Amino acid sequence: MLCYSTCFLFRRNLTLASVSASLHLANRILPNSKPSLLQTSNNLLIPSFSSSIDTVCFRPASFALRLDHTMASQSTKTSVHDFTVKDARGNNVDLSSYKGKVLLIVNVASQCGLTNSNYTELSQLYEKYKNQGLEILAFPCNQFGAQEPGSNEQIVEFACTRFKAEYPIFDKVDVNGEKAAPLYKHLKSSKGGLFGDNIKWNFSKFLVDKEGNVVDRYAPTTSPLSIEKDIKKLLGIA
């Protein structure tokens, strides 16, 4: 009972302090305003001020923080299927169109020491399992040694001509830093790496199940064929 009472008094004092601060700020901004207090259904006090200029409403900090948290929670994306990306031609692609598919998402580069082996094995995997529900999504990235300098058109031509890539190659993106693609922020937060969340190099791989959940992450040096057994498991192939 003592703990409950103390908590109640603390919350009440915090709310009153927020109201007092709002009143003081409003009187400085609108010296001719007429303050009044509104009470919400959950007993939160909202000071409202009417002036000849306009009607300004100041909410206590605790109420604003609660509202911001609620809005942030509603906008949180929890599945790969919640994202929209751009293809190599700049068209939007809703990843919900891949529902029911197992996805292997890879950041690719054309001038990397890992290029030949990875592109070759990715094509082999795709050819073998594309009719059984596997999709490979390739995202070119120039953040590692500037090894993907070409245009989208050049990248697609390189992959399709040299390696017979039939899977979709998307718009060039950043995978690390402030400008990282939202999809990659989600992938990294879902499955951190051995030495932190950041992508370490070209050809990092994420395996996504049919519901859009990120189930595994593989290092750049992990060959595509070595994860075939994990892909078969998600596809339901014995």
C-alpha atoms as a PDB file:
ATOM      1  CA  MET A   1       0.000   0.000   0.000  1.00  0.00           C
ATOM      2  CA  LEU A   2       2.857   2.378   0.853  1.00  0.00           C
ATOM      3  CA  CYS A   3       4.538   1.672  -2.467  1.00  0.00           C
ATOM      4  CA  TYR A   4       1.295   2.325  -4.374  1.00  0.00           C
ATOM      5  CA  SER A   5       0.653   5.582  -2.530  1.00  0.00           C
ATOM      6  CA  THR A   6       4.185   6.814  -3.104  1.00  0.00           C
ATOM      7  CA  CYS A   7       3.971   5.991  -6.814  1.00  0.00           C
ATOM      8  CA  PHE A   8       0.595   7.752  -7.101  1.00  0.00           C
ATOM      9  CA  LEU A   9       1.890  10.908  -5.401  1.00  0.00           C
ATOM     10  CA  PHE A  10       4.994  10.931  -7.575  1.00  0.00           C
ATOM     11  CA  ARG A  11       2.962  10.660 -10.784  1.00  0.00           C
ATOM     12  CA  ARG A  12       0.538  13.343  -9.554  1.00  0.00           C
ATOM     13  CA  ASN A  13       3.360  15.742  -8.680  1.00  0.00           C
ATOM     14  CA  LEU A  14       5.042  15.077 -12.033  1.00  0.00           C
ATOM     15  CA  THR A  15       1.828  15.896 -13.893  1.00  0.00           C
ATOM     16  CA  LEU A  16       1.270  19.061 -11.852  1.00  0.00           C
ATOM     17  CA  ALA A  17       4.848  20.115 -12.486  1.00  0.00           C
ATOM     18  CA  SER A  18       4.345  19.611 -16.231  1.00  0.00           C
ATOM     19  CA  VAL A  19       1.146  21.679 -16.132  1.00  0.00           C
ATOM     20  CA  SER A  20       2.884  24.445 -14.207  1.00  0.00           C
ATOM     21  CA  ALA A  21       5.711  24.561 -16.718  1.00  0.00           C
ATOM     22  CA  SER A  22       3.232  24.701 -19.602  1.00  0.00           C
ATOM     23  CA  LEU A  23       1.344  27.581 -17.966  1.00  0.00           C
ATOM     24  CA  HIS A  24       4.558  29.532 -17.430  1.00  0.00           C
ATOM     25  CA  LEU A  25       5.693  29.011 -21.032  1.00  0.00           C
ATOM     26  CA  ALA A  26       2.319  29.977 -22.485  1.00  0.00           C
ATOM     27  CA  ASN A  27       2.131  33.178 -20.429  1.00  0.00           C
ATOM     28  CA  ARG A  28       5.497  34.214 -21.835  1.00  0.00           C
ATOM     29  CA  ILE A  29       4.496  33.447 -25.433  1.00  0.00           C
ATOM     30  CA  LEU A  30       0.920  34.718 -25.190  1.00  0.00           C
ATOM     31  CA  PRO A  31       0.783  37.308 -22.396  1.00  0.00           C
ATOM     32  CA  ASN A  32      -2.876  38.124 -23.077  1.00  0.00           C
ATOM     33  CA  SER A  33      -4.057  34.521 -23.133  1.00  0.00           C
ATOM     34  CA  LYS A  34      -6.689  33.137 -20.772  1.00  0.00           C
ATOM     35  CA  PRO A  35      -5.617  29.786 -19.350  1.00  0.00           C
ATOM     36  CA  SER A  36      -7.999  26.990 -18.489  1.00  0.00           C
ATOM     37  CA  LEU A  37      -7.484  23.361 -17.526  1.00  0.00           C
ATOM     38  CA  LEU A  38      -9.130  20.487 -19.359  1.00  0.00           C
ATOM     39  CA  GLN A  39      -9.325  17.034 -17.804  1.00  0.00           C
ATOM     40  CA  THR A  40      -9.143  13.933 -20.007  1.00  0.00           C
ATOM     41  CA  SER A  41     -11.003  10.677 -19.414  1.00  0.00           C
ATOM     42  CA  ASN A  42      -7.882   9.166 -17.799  1.00  0.00           C
ATOM     43  CA  ASN A  43      -7.487  12.172 -15.457  1.00  0.00           C
ATOM     44  CA  LEU A  44      -4.666  13.841 -17.365  1.00  0.00           C
ATOM     45  CA  LEU A  45      -4.706  17.652 -17.139  1.00  0.00           C
ATOM     46  CA  ILE A  46      -4.341  19.533 -20.423  1.00  0.00           C
ATOM     47  CA  PRO A  47      -3.865  23.317 -20.113  1.00  0.00           C
ATOM     48  CA  SER A  48      -5.581  25.237 -22.927  1.00  0.00           C
ATOM     49  CA  PHE A  49      -5.000  28.906 -23.741  1.00  0.00           C
ATOM     50  CA  SER A  50      -7.259  31.154 -25.795  1.00  0.00           C
ATOM     51  CA  SER A  51      -5.855  34.345 -27.287  1.00  0.00           C
ATOM     52  CA  SER A  52      -6.841  36.888 -29.902  1.00  0.00           C
ATOM     53  CA  ILE A  53      -4.245  35.369 -32.268  1.00  0.00           C
ATOM     54  CA  ASP A  54      -5.287  31.745 -32.173  1.00  0.00           C
ATOM     55  CA  THR A  55      -6.047  28.919 -29.809  1.00  0.00           C
ATOM     56  CA  VAL A  56      -2.937  27.157 -28.540  1.00  0.00           C
ATOM     57  CA  CYS A  57      -2.984  23.922 -26.611  1.00  0.00           C
ATOM     58  CA  PHE A  58      -0.054  22.840 -24.412  1.00  0.00           C
ATOM     59  CA  ARG A  59       0.010  19.266 -23.137  1.00  0.00           C
ATOM     60  CA  PRO A  60       2.047  18.068 -20.185  1.00  0.00           C
ATOM     61  CA  ALA A  61       5.315  16.371 -21.113  1.00  0.00           C
ATOM     62  CA  SER A  62       4.170  13.024 -19.732  1.00  0.00           C
ATOM     63  CA  PHE A  63       1.096  13.057 -21.989  1.00  0.00           C
ATOM     64  CA  ALA A  64       3.104  14.028 -25.078  1.00  0.00           C
ATOM     65  CA  LEU A  65       5.665  11.321 -24.453  1.00  0.00           C
ATOM     66  CA  ARG A  66       2.917   8.730 -24.048  1.00  0.00           C
ATOM     67  CA  LEU A  67       1.287   9.845 -27.316  1.00  0.00           C
ATOM     68  CA  ASP A  68       4.606   9.778 -29.219  1.00  0.00           C
ATOM     69  CA  HIS A  69       5.340   6.284 -27.911  1.00  0.00           C
ATOM     70  CA  THR A  70       1.930   5.042 -29.033  1.00  0.00           C
ATOM     71  CA  MET A  71       2.354   6.494 -32.529  1.00  0.00           C
ATOM     72  CA  ALA A  72       5.840   5.000 -32.838  1.00  0.00           C
ATOM     73  CA  SER A  73       4.550   1.585 -31.806  1.00  0.00           C
ATOM     74  CA  GLN A  74       1.812   1.706 -34.410  1.00  0.00           C
ATOM     75  CA  SER A  75       4.310   2.518 -37.187  1.00  0.00           C
ATOM     76  CA  THR A  76       6.798  -0.216 -36.243  1.00  0.00           C
ATOM     77  CA  LYS A  77       7.382  -2.690 -39.033  1.00  0.00           C
ATOM     78  CA  THR A  78       7.848  -6.253 -37.861  1.00  0.00           C
ATOM     79  CA  SER A  79       8.080  -8.230 -41.112  1.00  0.00           C
ATOM     80  CA  VAL A  80      10.072  -8.008 -44.320  1.00  0.00           C
ATOM     81  CA  HIS A  81       6.681  -8.013 -46.050  1.00  0.00           C
ATOM     82  CA  ASP A  82       5.917  -4.607 -44.505  1.00  0.00           C
ATOM     83  CA  PHE A  83       8.533  -2.840 -46.649  1.00  0.00           C
ATOM     84  CA  THR A  84       8.494  -1.285 -50.097  1.00  0.00           C
ATOM     85  CA  VAL A  85      11.724  -1.082 -52.105  1.00  0.00           C
ATOM     86  CA  LYS A  86      12.685   0.116 -55.585  1.00  0.00           C
ATOM     87  CA  ASP A  87      13.683  -2.111 -58.454  1.00  0.00           C
ATOM     88  CA  ALA A  88      16.597  -1.337 -60.785  1.00  0.00           C
ATOM     89  CA  ARG A  89      14.323   0.881 -62.905  1.00  0.00           C
ATOM     90  CA  GLY A  90      13.141   2.925 -59.934  1.00  0.00           C
ATOM     91  CA  ASN A  91       9.702   1.341 -59.647  1.00  0.00           C
ATOM     92  CA  ASN A  92       8.247   0.578 -56.232  1.00  0.00           C
ATOM     93  CA  VAL A  93       8.081  -3.079 -55.252  1.00  0.00           C
ATOM     94  CA  ASP A  94       5.877  -4.071 -52.321  1.00  0.00           C
ATOM     95  CA  LEU A  95       7.639  -6.956 -50.593  1.00  0.00           C
ATOM     96  CA  SER A  96       4.279  -8.303 -49.440  1.00  0.00           C
ATOM     97  CA  SER A  97       4.104  -9.728 -52.975  1.00  0.00           C
ATOM     98  CA  TYR A  98       6.630 -12.314 -51.737  1.00  0.00           C
ATOM     99  CA  LYS A  99       4.375 -13.700 -49.028  1.00  0.00           C
ATOM    100  CA  GLY A 100       4.570 -17.477 -49.015  1.00  0.00           C
ATOM    101  CA  LYS A 101       8.096 -17.417 -50.478  1.00  0.00           C
ATOM    102  CA  VAL A 102      11.414 -18.151 -48.767  1.00  0.00           C
ATOM    103  CA  LEU A 103      13.735 -15.201 -49.368  1.00  0.00           C
ATOM    104  CA  LEU A 104      17.515 -14.975 -49.519  1.00  0.00           C
ATOM    105  CA  ILE A 105      18.463 -11.283 -49.374  1.00  0.00           C
ATOM    106  CA  VAL A 106      22.008 -10.400 -50.445  1.00  0.00           C
ATOM    107  CA  ASN A 107      23.974  -7.152 -50.865  1.00  0.00           C
ATOM    108  CA  VAL A 108      25.937  -7.683 -54.087  1.00  0.00           C
ATOM    109  CA  ALA A 109      28.925  -6.073 -55.832  1.00  0.00           C
ATOM    110  CA  SER A 110      30.435  -6.556 -59.278  1.00  0.00           C
ATOM    111  CA  GLN A 111      34.143  -5.984 -58.543  1.00  0.00           C
ATOM    112  CA  CYS A 112      34.652  -7.948 -55.326  1.00  0.00           C
ATOM    113  CA  GLY A 113      36.859 -10.956 -54.776  1.00  0.00           C
ATOM    114  CA  LEU A 114      33.697 -12.802 -53.722  1.00  0.00           C
ATOM    115  CA  THR A 115      31.729 -11.848 -56.822  1.00  0.00           C
ATOM    116  CA  ASN A 116      32.374 -14.864 -59.058  1.00  0.00           C
ATOM    117  CA  SER A 117      31.750 -17.567 -56.461  1.00  0.00           C
ATOM    118  CA  ASN A 118      28.675 -15.920 -54.949  1.00  0.00           C
ATOM    119  CA  TYR A 119      26.943 -14.965 -58.178  1.00  0.00           C
ATOM    120  CA  THR A 120      27.633 -18.431 -59.601  1.00  0.00           C
ATOM    121  CA  GLU A 121      26.214 -20.263 -56.587  1.00  0.00           C
ATOM    122  CA  LEU A 122      23.263 -17.897 -56.200  1.00  0.00           C
ATOM    123  CA  SER A 123      22.256 -18.696 -59.778  1.00  0.00           C
ATOM    124  CA  GLN A 124      22.609 -22.406 -59.073  1.00  0.00           C
ATOM    125  CA  LEU A 125      20.410 -22.166 -55.969  1.00  0.00           C
ATOM    126  CA  TYR A 126      17.788 -20.143 -57.786  1.00  0.00           C
ATOM    127  CA  GLU A 127      17.646 -22.487 -60.737  1.00  0.00           C
ATOM    128  CA  LYS A 128      17.228 -25.459 -58.416  1.00  0.00           C
ATOM    129  CA  TYR A 129      14.578 -24.061 -56.048  1.00  0.00           C
ATOM    130  CA  LYS A 130      12.778 -21.204 -57.825  1.00  0.00           C
ATOM    131  CA  ASN A 131       9.836 -23.457 -58.670  1.00  0.00           C
ATOM    132  CA  GLN A 132       9.642 -24.672 -55.085  1.00  0.00           C
ATOM    133  CA  GLY A 133       9.254 -21.268 -53.467  1.00  0.00           C
ATOM    134  CA  LEU A 134      12.716 -19.669 -53.255  1.00  0.00           C
ATOM    135  CA  GLU A 135      13.302 -16.050 -54.243  1.00  0.00           C
ATOM    136  CA  ILE A 136      16.681 -14.321 -54.166  1.00  0.00           C
ATOM    137  CA  LEU A 137      16.618 -10.537 -53.749  1.00  0.00           C
ATOM    138  CA  ALA A 138      19.897  -8.856 -54.738  1.00  0.00           C
ATOM    139  CA  PHE A 139      20.646  -5.305 -53.559  1.00  0.00           C
ATOM    140  CA  PRO A 140      23.733  -3.679 -55.108  1.00  0.00           C
ATOM    141  CA  CYS A 141      25.794  -1.641 -52.644  1.00  0.00           C
ATOM    142  CA  ASN A 142      28.899   0.508 -53.181  1.00  0.00           C
ATOM    143  CA  GLN A 143      29.838   0.975 -49.508  1.00  0.00           C
ATOM    144  CA  PHE A 144      32.592  -1.642 -49.364  1.00  0.00           C
ATOM    145  CA  GLY A 145      35.734  -0.687 -51.233  1.00  0.00           C
ATOM    146  CA  ALA A 146      33.626   1.147 -53.854  1.00  0.00           C
ATOM    147  CA  GLN A 147      33.287  -2.210 -55.619  1.00  0.00           C
ATOM    148  CA  GLU A 148      29.843  -1.526 -57.137  1.00  0.00           C
ATOM    149  CA  PRO A 149      30.411   1.796 -58.955  1.00  0.00           C
ATOM    150  CA  GLY A 150      28.216   1.180 -62.007  1.00  0.00           C
ATOM    151  CA  SER A 151      24.700   2.338 -62.774  1.00  0.00           C
ATOM    152  CA  ASN A 152      21.727   0.076 -62.125  1.00  0.00           C
ATOM    153  CA  GLU A 153      21.565  -0.738 -65.817  1.00  0.00           C
ATOM    154  CA  GLN A 154      25.242  -1.734 -65.892  1.00  0.00           C
ATOM    155  CA  ILE A 155      24.872  -3.869 -62.761  1.00  0.00           C
ATOM    156  CA  VAL A 156      21.862  -5.759 -64.130  1.00  0.00           C
ATOM    157  CA  GLU A 157      23.571  -6.336 -67.476  1.00  0.00           C
ATOM    158  CA  PHE A 158      26.692  -7.650 -65.713  1.00  0.00           C
ATOM    159  CA  ALA A 159      24.786 -10.092 -63.502  1.00  0.00           C
ATOM    160  CA  CYS A 160      22.414 -11.328 -66.187  1.00  0.00           C
ATOM    161  CA  THR A 161      24.962 -11.632 -68.996  1.00  0.00           C
ATOM    162  CA  ARG A 162      27.906 -13.063 -67.113  1.00  0.00           C
ATOM    163  CA  PHE A 163      26.128 -15.137 -64.463  1.00  0.00           C
ATOM    164  CA  LYS A 164      22.700 -15.717 -66.033  1.00  0.00           C
ATOM    165  CA  ALA A 165      21.033 -14.212 -62.973  1.00  0.00           C
ATOM    166  CA  GLU A 166      17.270 -14.623 -63.315  1.00  0.00           C
ATOM    167  CA  TYR A 167      16.356 -13.393 -59.834  1.00  0.00           C
ATOM    168  CA  PRO A 168      15.461  -9.726 -59.271  1.00  0.00           C
ATOM    169  CA  ILE A 169      18.219  -7.139 -58.833  1.00  0.00           C
ATOM    170  CA  PHE A 170      17.019  -4.005 -57.087  1.00  0.00           C
ATOM    171  CA  ASP A 171      18.057  -0.367 -56.844  1.00  0.00           C
ATOM    172  CA  LYS A 172      21.511   0.351 -55.417  1.00  0.00           C
ATOM    173  CA  VAL A 173      21.262   1.070 -51.673  1.00  0.00           C
ATOM    174  CA  ASP A 174      23.288   1.850 -48.583  1.00  0.00           C
ATOM    175  CA  VAL A 175      23.201  -0.943 -46.025  1.00  0.00           C
ATOM    176  CA  ASN A 176      25.033   0.871 -43.192  1.00  0.00           C
ATOM    177  CA  GLY A 177      24.924   4.369 -41.761  1.00  0.00           C
ATOM    178  CA  GLU A 178      22.213   7.010 -41.461  1.00  0.00           C
ATOM    179  CA  LYS A 179      21.149   6.576 -45.097  1.00  0.00           C
ATOM    180  CA  ALA A 180      20.813   2.804 -44.863  1.00  0.00           C
ATOM    181  CA  ALA A 181      17.708   1.459 -46.576  1.00  0.00           C
ATOM    182  CA  PRO A 182      14.857   0.894 -44.070  1.00  0.00           C
ATOM    183  CA  LEU A 183      14.731  -2.768 -45.104  1.00  0.00           C
ATOM    184  CA  TYR A 184      18.365  -3.219 -44.133  1.00  0.00           C
ATOM    185  CA  LYS A 185      17.865  -1.460 -40.817  1.00  0.00           C
ATOM    186  CA  HIS A 186      15.156  -4.005 -40.118  1.00  0.00           C
ATOM    187  CA  LEU A 187      17.273  -6.955 -41.241  1.00  0.00           C
ATOM    188  CA  LYS A 188      20.191  -5.897 -39.049  1.00  0.00           C
ATOM    189  CA  SER A 189      18.050  -5.249 -35.987  1.00  0.00           C
ATOM    190  CA  SER A 190      16.389  -8.652 -36.434  1.00  0.00           C
ATOM    191  CA  LYS A 191      19.656 -10.574 -36.736  1.00  0.00           C
ATOM    192  CA  GLY A 192      22.828  -8.962 -35.426  1.00  0.00           C
ATOM    193  CA  GLY A 193      26.241 -10.058 -36.623  1.00  0.00           C
ATOM    194  CA  LEU A 194      29.076 -11.656 -34.663  1.00  0.00           C
ATOM    195  CA  PHE A 195      30.817  -8.315 -34.147  1.00  0.00           C
ATOM    196  CA  GLY A 196      27.848  -5.951 -34.149  1.00  0.00           C
ATOM    197  CA  ASP A 197      24.824  -5.273 -36.328  1.00  0.00           C
ATOM    198  CA  ASN A 198      26.549  -3.543 -39.249  1.00  0.00           C
ATOM    199  CA  ILE A 199      26.998  -5.350 -42.544  1.00  0.00           C
ATOM    200  CA  LYS A 200      30.677  -6.258 -42.754  1.00  0.00           C
ATOM    201  CA  TRP A 201      31.225  -6.623 -46.510  1.00  0.00           C
ATOM    202  CA  ASN A 202      29.679  -7.512 -49.849  1.00  0.00           C
ATOM    203  CA  PHE A 203      27.534 -10.645 -50.069  1.00  0.00           C
ATOM    204  CA  SER A 204      26.204 -10.733 -46.517  1.00  0.00           C
ATOM    205  CA  LYS A 205      23.093 -12.887 -46.567  1.00  0.00           C
ATOM    206  CA  PHE A 206      19.762 -12.926 -44.711  1.00  0.00           C
ATOM    207  CA  LEU A 207      17.361 -15.870 -44.845  1.00  0.00           C
ATOM    208  CA  VAL A 208      13.671 -14.997 -44.460  1.00  0.00           C
ATOM    209  CA  ASP A 209      10.815 -17.457 -43.963  1.00  0.00           C
ATOM    210  CA  LYS A 210       7.458 -17.536 -45.749  1.00  0.00           C
ATOM    211  CA  GLU A 211       5.889 -15.215 -43.146  1.00  0.00           C
ATOM    212  CA  GLY A 212       8.556 -12.540 -43.593  1.00  0.00           C
ATOM    213  CA  ASN A 213      10.524 -13.315 -40.430  1.00  0.00           C
ATOM    214  CA  VAL A 214      14.318 -13.036 -40.534  1.00  0.00           C
ATOM    215  CA  VAL A 215      15.498 -16.449 -39.356  1.00  0.00           C
ATOM    216  CA  ASP A 216      19.231 -16.421 -40.062  1.00  0.00           C
ATOM    217  CA  ARG A 217      22.186 -14.307 -41.133  1.00  0.00           C
ATOM    218  CA  TYR A 218      25.348 -15.436 -42.913  1.00  0.00           C
ATOM    219  CA  ALA A 219      28.774 -13.844 -43.280  1.00  0.00           C
ATOM    220  CA  PRO A 220      30.061 -12.665 -46.678  1.00  0.00           C
ATOM    221  CA  THR A 221      32.456 -15.617 -46.825  1.00  0.00           C
ATOM    222  CA  THR A 222      29.639 -18.152 -46.315  1.00  0.00           C
ATOM    223  CA  SER A 223      28.992 -19.706 -49.700  1.00  0.00           C
ATOM    224  CA  PRO A 224      25.382 -19.810 -50.907  1.00  0.00           C
ATOM    225  CA  LEU A 225      25.486 -23.557 -51.506  1.00  0.00           C
ATOM    226  CA  SER A 226      26.561 -24.175 -47.906  1.00  0.00           C
ATOM    227  CA  ILE A 227      23.211 -22.846 -46.648  1.00  0.00           C
ATOM    228  CA  GLU A 228      21.174 -25.026 -49.015  1.00  0.00           C
ATOM    229  CA  LYS A 229      20.076 -27.255 -46.153  1.00  0.00           C
ATOM    230  CA  ASP A 230      18.619 -24.246 -44.281  1.00  0.00           C
ATOM    231  CA  ILE A 231      16.748 -23.160 -47.393  1.00  0.00           C
ATOM    232  CA  LYS A 232      15.322 -26.656 -47.920  1.00  0.00           C
ATOM    233  CA  LYS A 233      14.122 -26.725 -44.313  1.00  0.00           C
ATOM    234  CA  LEU A 234      12.143 -23.506 -44.743  1.00  0.00           C
ATOM    235  CA  LEU A 235      10.784 -24.734 -48.074  1.00  0.00           C
ATOM    236  CA  GLY A 236       9.621 -27.932 -46.386  1.00  0.00           C
ATOM    237  CA  ILE A 237      11.731 -30.149 -48.626  1.00  0.00           C
ATOM    238  CA  ALA A 238      13.041 -33.344 -47.056  1.00  0.00           C
END
